[in-house]
Amino acid sequence: MTESQIIVKNLYKTYRVPEREAGVGAALKSLVHRVYRDVEAVRDVSFEIARGEFVGFIGPNGAGKTTTLKVLSGLLHPTAGEVRVLGFTPWERRHDYLRRISMVLGNKSQMLWDIPPLDSFNVLGDIYHVPPAEFKSTLDELVALLDMEELLTRPVRNFSLGERMKCELVAGLLHRPDVLFLDEPTLGLDVSMQARLRRFFAEYNRRSGVTVILTSHYMADVVALCPRVILIHHGQLLYDGALHGLAEKLSPFKLIRLALSGANCQFALPPEADVVEQENGRLTLRVPRAATPTITAQLLNTLPVVDLSVEDPPIEAVIDQIYQEGKVEV
């Protein structure tokens, strides 16, 4: 059985936040009598992640994703629950633990803008006590994977957002962490740079065996990289399993895409099939999931089919349905 590197049991995190009404009077009153409200950011969340897994941690804004990552990385103390990462309690922030994890945030920078990234990398190598030979080997590998050799000696302030993100990744991986937390790593990047970084993440995970938790609002990131997803909403865990399993659980239909000969002819369709799109002999039908095999056979036997494919609905539609309903039916 694969060893679990991350174990979370019944995690709770509650914030105590001040409240007051608008106006000068309310502001003065709050100076002597503050009113507080408890906000549950994470409520009774449990999961385990094995060594080398690449797991998507998804949910709408305010769902508790970043709070959970901050607890796992030791930046926050939980209100209740048990968390073990690599055998350590994260918020004790022991040096042996911090040297084995890394957290890369898409909207934060640890690069100094007025110096070349190579200088920052050398400082980080010293901070993490990376042996010189290992430092050079790791840096050469990361620079080659990210195709960024020409960036090493230029001031960071001259970089594009995508180039800065490459530097952030090198900075976060120089000490070869065993666990990597990625929080919106492709935020704000163009489509081409997003695709390049996805290829990097997949290849680096394959080479190093690093355990990765990825949060992203770009479902293309999750679909490309994460066989497994953990979905939370309002601080509660709604789903933990294979990404493709979400569509099977939530969508009672499939999409059948047809290309027919004789574009101008009228064809009789099975009564259970709803036409979603129709143009120039191409049809998209929505059919009940359970009846898909029967309907597919009927279409092939009765229509002049040139091409046919059966698909699950787009994962974005499935995720949006969860966000709207706030639940996943078992």
Protein backbone atom coordinates (compact mmCIF):
# COMPACT_ATOMS: atom_id res chain seq x y z
CA MET A 1 0.00 0.00 0.00
CA THR A 2 1.34 3.49 -0.92
CA GLU A 3 2.46 5.58 2.03
CA SER A 4 0.32 8.63 2.85
CA GLN A 5 2.43 11.78 3.02
CA ILE A 6 -0.47 14.06 3.92
CA ILE A 7 -3.07 13.06 6.51
CA VAL A 8 -5.90 15.41 7.48
CA LYS A 9 -8.51 14.33 10.04
CA ASN A 10 -11.53 16.39 11.08
CA LEU A 11 -9.89 19.73 10.32
CA TYR A 12 -11.64 22.89 11.52
CA LYS A 13 -10.53 26.50 11.17
CA THR A 14 -12.65 29.33 12.56
CA TYR A 15 -11.82 33.01 12.29
CA ARG A 16 -13.09 35.59 14.78
CA VAL A 17 -13.81 38.72 12.76
CA PRO A 18 -14.98 42.15 14.02
CA GLU A 19 -18.26 43.63 12.79
CA ARG A 20 -19.79 47.08 12.97
CA GLU A 21 -22.45 49.11 11.19
CA ALA A 22 -21.56 51.99 8.91
CA GLY A 23 -21.31 55.52 10.26
CA VAL A 24 -19.27 57.64 12.68
CA GLY A 25 -21.39 56.67 15.69
CA ALA A 26 -20.88 52.96 15.08
CA ALA A 27 -17.15 53.55 14.61
CA LEU A 28 -16.87 55.38 17.95
CA LYS A 29 -18.94 52.71 19.70
CA SER A 30 -16.66 49.99 18.34
CA LEU A 31 -13.71 51.63 20.11
CA VAL A 32 -15.10 50.65 23.51
CA HIS A 33 -17.31 47.69 22.63
CA ARG A 34 -16.29 45.54 19.68
CA VAL A 35 -18.70 42.99 18.27
CA TYR A 36 -17.25 39.80 16.81
CA ARG A 37 -18.60 37.03 14.61
CA ASP A 38 -17.18 33.54 14.18
CA VAL A 39 -16.62 32.50 10.57
CA GLU A 40 -15.99 28.82 9.83
CA ALA A 41 -13.50 28.71 6.96
CA VAL A 42 -12.96 24.93 7.14
CA ARG A 43 -15.35 22.48 8.76
CA ASP A 44 -14.66 18.80 9.47
CA VAL A 45 -12.45 18.15 6.43
CA SER A 46 -10.61 14.81 6.21
CA PHE A 47 -8.47 13.30 3.45
CA GLU A 48 -5.17 11.53 2.78
CA ILE A 49 -2.71 11.99 -0.08
CA ALA A 50 -0.13 9.37 -1.03
CA ARG A 51 3.46 9.91 -2.07
CA GLY A 52 3.76 11.19 -5.63
CA GLU A 53 0.06 12.01 -6.14
CA PHE A 54 -0.95 15.12 -8.09
CA VAL A 55 -4.25 16.20 -6.53
CA GLY A 56 -6.52 19.08 -7.51
CA PHE A 57 -7.97 20.97 -4.55
CA ILE A 58 -10.89 22.92 -5.97
CA GLY A 59 -13.85 25.01 -4.90
CA PRO A 60 -15.36 28.46 -5.45
CA ASN A 61 -13.89 31.64 -3.97
CA GLY A 62 -14.08 31.55 -0.18
CA ALA A 63 -14.50 27.77 -0.05
CA GLY A 64 -11.53 27.27 2.30
CA LYS A 65 -8.86 26.11 -0.16
CA THR A 66 -6.13 28.60 0.70
CA THR A 67 -6.90 28.33 4.42
CA THR A 68 -6.40 24.57 4.22
CA LEU A 69 -3.12 24.98 2.33
CA LYS A 70 -1.89 27.48 4.91
CA VAL A 71 -2.64 24.99 7.69
CA LEU A 72 -0.83 22.23 5.78
CA SER A 73 2.20 24.45 5.21
CA GLY A 74 2.29 25.61 8.83
CA LEU A 75 1.27 29.22 8.26
CA LEU A 76 -1.94 28.82 10.29
CA HIS A 77 -2.93 26.92 13.41
CA PRO A 78 -6.20 24.97 13.04
CA THR A 79 -9.04 25.45 15.49
CA ALA A 80 -9.39 21.67 15.80
CA GLY A 81 -8.38 18.48 14.07
CA GLU A 82 -5.25 16.50 13.28
CA VAL A 83 -2.83 17.19 10.42
CA ARG A 84 0.36 15.31 9.58
CA VAL A 85 2.54 16.12 6.60
CA LEU A 86 5.65 13.99 6.07
CA GLY A 87 5.19 12.81 9.64
CA PHE A 88 5.36 16.37 11.03
CA THR A 89 2.79 18.65 12.64
CA PRO A 90 3.00 21.61 10.22
CA TRP A 91 2.36 24.53 12.57
CA GLU A 92 5.28 23.49 14.78
CA ARG A 93 7.36 24.76 11.82
CA ARG A 94 10.40 22.61 12.51
CA HIS A 95 13.37 23.26 10.23
CA ASP A 96 13.42 19.63 9.08
CA TYR A 97 9.83 20.04 7.94
CA LEU A 98 10.19 23.43 6.25
CA ARG A 99 13.17 22.16 4.23
CA ARG A 100 10.98 19.40 2.74
CA ILE A 101 8.01 21.46 1.55
CA SER A 102 7.44 24.38 -0.79
CA MET A 103 4.51 26.67 -1.51
CA VAL A 104 4.23 28.60 -4.76
CA LEU A 105 1.57 31.31 -4.98
CA GLY A 106 0.46 32.65 -8.35
CA ASN A 107 -0.11 36.19 -7.03
CA LYS A 108 2.97 36.50 -4.77
CA SER A 109 6.63 37.07 -5.59
CA GLN A 110 9.81 36.20 -3.72
CA MET A 111 12.09 37.57 -6.45
CA LEU A 112 13.90 40.89 -5.85
CA TRP A 113 13.06 43.07 -8.83
CA ASP A 114 16.36 44.94 -9.16
CA ILE A 115 18.70 41.95 -9.34
CA PRO A 116 18.94 38.95 -11.68
CA PRO A 117 17.12 35.77 -10.54
CA LEU A 118 20.43 33.88 -10.41
CA ASP A 119 21.46 35.99 -7.40
CA SER A 120 18.20 35.15 -5.61
CA PHE A 121 18.64 31.47 -6.45
CA ASN A 122 22.14 31.47 -4.92
CA VAL A 123 20.81 33.04 -1.71
CA LEU A 124 18.02 30.45 -1.50
CA GLY A 125 20.54 27.67 -2.03
CA ASP A 126 22.47 28.94 0.98
CA ILE A 127 19.32 29.35 3.10
CA TYR A 128 18.30 25.73 2.45
CA HIS A 129 21.90 24.46 2.80
CA VAL A 130 21.81 22.84 -0.62
CA PRO A 131 25.26 21.33 -1.41
CA PRO A 132 26.93 23.18 -4.32
CA ALA A 133 26.98 20.17 -6.65
CA GLU A 134 23.31 19.40 -5.97
CA PHE A 135 22.41 23.08 -6.34
CA LYS A 136 24.02 23.28 -9.78
CA SER A 137 22.48 19.99 -10.92
CA THR A 138 18.99 21.01 -9.76
CA LEU A 139 19.23 24.51 -11.21
CA ASP A 140 20.43 23.19 -14.57
CA GLU A 141 17.55 20.68 -14.67
CA LEU A 142 14.89 23.27 -13.82
CA VAL A 143 16.28 25.86 -16.22
CA ALA A 144 16.27 23.29 -19.02
CA LEU A 145 12.73 22.11 -18.25
CA LEU A 146 11.43 25.69 -18.18
CA ASP A 147 13.57 26.89 -21.13
CA MET A 148 14.70 30.01 -19.25
CA GLU A 149 18.48 30.15 -19.53
CA GLU A 150 18.37 33.61 -21.09
CA LEU A 151 16.53 34.97 -18.01
CA LEU A 152 19.13 34.15 -15.38
CA THR A 153 21.21 37.33 -15.66
CA ARG A 154 18.52 39.92 -16.45
CA PRO A 155 16.84 42.08 -13.76
CA VAL A 156 13.50 40.63 -12.74
CA ARG A 157 11.67 43.93 -13.25
CA ASN A 158 12.10 43.51 -17.02
CA PHE A 159 10.30 40.14 -17.10
CA SER A 160 6.80 39.38 -18.25
CA LEU A 161 4.36 37.78 -15.80
CA GLY A 162 5.02 34.36 -17.30
CA GLU A 163 8.79 34.78 -17.05
CA ARG A 164 8.49 35.82 -13.40
CA MET A 165 6.37 32.75 -12.74
CA LYS A 166 9.11 30.53 -14.15
CA CYS A 167 11.54 32.12 -11.70
CA GLU A 168 9.12 31.58 -8.81
CA LEU A 169 8.94 27.89 -9.67
CA VAL A 170 12.72 27.52 -9.75
CA ALA A 171 12.97 29.33 -6.41
CA GLY A 172 10.37 26.99 -4.89
CA LEU A 173 11.97 23.80 -6.20
CA LEU A 174 15.71 24.41 -5.76
CA HIS A 175 15.79 22.46 -2.48
CA ARG A 176 13.90 19.53 -4.03
CA PRO A 177 10.85 19.49 -1.73
CA ASP A 178 8.96 16.27 -1.10
CA VAL A 179 5.61 18.11 -0.97
CA LEU A 180 4.65 21.04 -3.20
CA PHE A 181 1.65 23.30 -2.64
CA LEU A 182 0.62 25.19 -5.79
CA ASP A 183 -1.92 27.98 -5.24
CA GLU A 184 -3.19 29.40 -8.56
CA PRO A 185 0.20 29.02 -10.32
CA THR A 186 -1.17 30.00 -13.76
CA LEU A 187 -3.17 33.00 -12.54
CA GLY A 188 -3.18 35.78 -15.13
CA LEU A 189 -0.97 33.96 -17.62
CA ASP A 190 -1.79 33.72 -21.32
CA VAL A 191 -3.01 30.45 -22.80
CA SER A 192 0.38 29.54 -24.28
CA MET A 193 2.26 30.06 -21.01
CA GLN A 194 -0.40 28.13 -19.08
CA ALA A 195 0.09 25.15 -21.41
CA ARG A 196 3.88 25.31 -21.04
CA LEU A 197 3.70 25.38 -17.25
CA ARG A 198 1.28 22.44 -17.24
CA ARG A 199 3.78 20.42 -19.25
CA PHE A 200 6.49 21.41 -16.79
CA PHE A 201 4.43 20.37 -13.75
CA ALA A 202 3.56 17.01 -15.27
CA GLU A 203 7.16 16.27 -16.27
CA TYR A 204 8.61 17.43 -12.95
CA ASN A 205 6.12 15.31 -11.00
CA ARG A 206 7.01 12.30 -13.15
CA ARG A 207 10.77 12.81 -12.71
CA SER A 208 10.91 13.72 -9.03
CA GLY A 209 7.93 11.88 -7.52
CA VAL A 210 7.00 15.04 -5.60
CA THR A 211 3.56 15.08 -3.98
CA VAL A 212 1.52 18.02 -5.30
CA ILE A 213 -1.65 19.77 -4.20
CA LEU A 214 -2.90 22.21 -6.83
CA THR A 215 -5.58 24.86 -6.38
CA SER A 216 -6.76 26.59 -9.55
CA HIS A 217 -9.87 28.22 -10.96
CA TYR A 218 -8.71 27.20 -14.44
CA MET A 219 -10.27 23.78 -14.92
CA ALA A 220 -7.88 23.18 -17.81
CA ASP A 221 -5.08 23.01 -15.20
CA VAL A 222 -6.97 20.44 -13.17
CA VAL A 223 -8.05 18.33 -16.15
CA ALA A 224 -4.50 18.24 -17.56
CA LEU A 225 -2.71 17.43 -14.31
CA CYS A 226 -4.95 15.93 -11.64
CA PRO A 227 -6.37 12.40 -11.88
CA ARG A 228 -7.91 12.99 -8.45
CA VAL A 229 -9.75 16.02 -7.10
CA ILE A 230 -10.83 17.11 -3.65
CA LEU A 231 -13.72 19.55 -3.81
CA ILE A 232 -14.79 21.76 -0.93
CA HIS A 233 -17.60 24.28 -0.68
CA HIS A 234 -18.39 26.55 2.28
CA GLY A 235 -15.51 24.87 4.11
CA GLN A 236 -16.93 21.35 3.80
CA LEU A 237 -15.63 18.47 1.73
CA LEU A 238 -18.13 17.57 -1.01
CA TYR A 239 -16.17 15.13 -3.15
CA ASP A 240 -12.88 13.22 -3.06
CA GLY A 241 -12.16 10.92 -5.97
CA ALA A 242 -11.41 10.62 -9.66
CA LEU A 243 -12.09 13.72 -11.73
CA HIS A 244 -14.08 11.77 -14.32
CA GLY A 245 -16.25 10.41 -11.51
CA LEU A 246 -17.79 13.85 -10.96
CA ALA A 247 -19.55 13.75 -14.33
CA GLU A 248 -20.80 10.23 -13.66
CA LYS A 249 -22.21 11.26 -10.30
CA LEU A 250 -23.77 14.56 -11.27
CA SER A 251 -24.79 14.43 -14.92
CA PRO A 252 -27.65 12.07 -15.78
CA PHE A 253 -26.95 12.58 -19.48
CA LYS A 254 -24.25 12.25 -22.13
CA LEU A 255 -23.63 14.15 -25.34
CA ILE A 256 -23.67 12.35 -28.70
CA ARG A 257 -22.07 14.26 -31.56
CA LEU A 258 -23.07 13.15 -35.06
CA ALA A 259 -21.96 14.00 -38.57
CA LEU A 260 -24.55 12.92 -41.15
CA SER A 261 -24.51 12.71 -44.93
CA GLY A 262 -27.30 14.62 -46.61
CA ALA A 263 -27.20 17.82 -44.60
CA ASN A 264 -30.52 19.12 -45.91
CA CYS A 265 -32.53 16.01 -45.21
CA GLN A 266 -34.83 15.50 -42.25
CA PHE A 267 -34.13 12.53 -39.99
CA ALA A 268 -36.23 10.92 -37.28
CA LEU A 269 -34.47 10.89 -33.92
CA PRO A 270 -35.21 8.74 -30.86
CA PRO A 271 -37.73 10.49 -28.58
CA GLU A 272 -35.26 10.45 -25.65
CA ALA A 273 -32.70 12.49 -27.62
CA ASP A 274 -32.79 16.28 -27.27
CA VAL A 275 -31.09 18.35 -29.97
CA VAL A 276 -28.61 20.75 -28.40
CA GLU A 277 -26.96 21.95 -31.62
CA GLN A 278 -27.67 21.41 -35.32
CA GLU A 279 -25.79 22.84 -38.29
CA ASN A 280 -24.89 21.54 -41.76
CA GLY A 281 -25.53 17.89 -41.03
CA ARG A 282 -23.81 18.00 -37.64
CA LEU A 283 -25.89 17.30 -34.56
CA THR A 284 -25.22 17.36 -30.85
CA LEU A 285 -27.74 15.31 -28.89
CA ARG A 286 -28.30 15.13 -25.14
CA VAL A 287 -29.41 11.65 -24.11
CA PRO A 288 -30.03 9.90 -20.77
CA ARG A 289 -26.80 8.31 -19.51
CA ALA A 290 -28.39 4.90 -18.91
CA ALA A 291 -29.93 4.82 -22.40
CA THR A 292 -26.80 5.94 -24.24
CA PRO A 293 -25.77 2.49 -25.61
CA THR A 294 -29.27 1.74 -26.91
CA ILE A 295 -29.71 5.16 -28.50
CA THR A 296 -26.23 5.05 -30.07
CA ALA A 297 -27.00 1.69 -31.69
CA GLN A 298 -30.35 2.98 -32.93
CA LEU A 299 -28.72 6.06 -34.49
CA LEU A 300 -26.10 3.96 -36.27
CA ASN A 301 -28.77 1.60 -37.63
CA THR A 302 -31.26 4.21 -38.82
CA LEU A 303 -29.28 7.31 -39.84
CA PRO A 304 -26.58 7.92 -42.50
CA VAL A 305 -23.87 8.45 -39.88
CA VAL A 306 -20.48 9.60 -41.15
CA ASP A 307 -18.96 10.14 -37.72
CA LEU A 308 -20.15 9.67 -34.13
CA SER A 309 -18.67 10.37 -30.71
CA VAL A 310 -20.07 10.01 -27.18
CA GLU A 311 -18.88 12.45 -24.52
CA ASP A 312 -19.50 13.45 -20.96
CA PRO A 313 -20.66 17.06 -20.54
CA PRO A 314 -17.81 19.62 -20.17
CA ILE A 315 -16.26 19.41 -16.71
CA GLU A 316 -16.73 23.17 -16.32
CA ALA A 317 -20.49 22.67 -16.54
CA VAL A 318 -20.35 19.91 -13.94
CA ILE A 319 -18.26 22.01 -11.54
CA ASP A 320 -20.55 25.00 -12.01
CA GLN A 321 -23.52 22.79 -11.17
CA ILE A 322 -21.83 21.81 -7.90
CA TYR A 323 -21.05 25.42 -7.03
CA GLN A 324 -24.65 26.43 -7.71
CA GLU A 325 -26.23 23.56 -5.76
CA GLY A 326 -23.56 23.30 -3.06
CA LYS A 327 -23.73 19.51 -2.92
CA VAL A 328 -22.71 16.28 -4.58
CA GLU A 329 -25.27 13.51 -4.51
CA VAL A 330 -23.92 10.15 -3.35
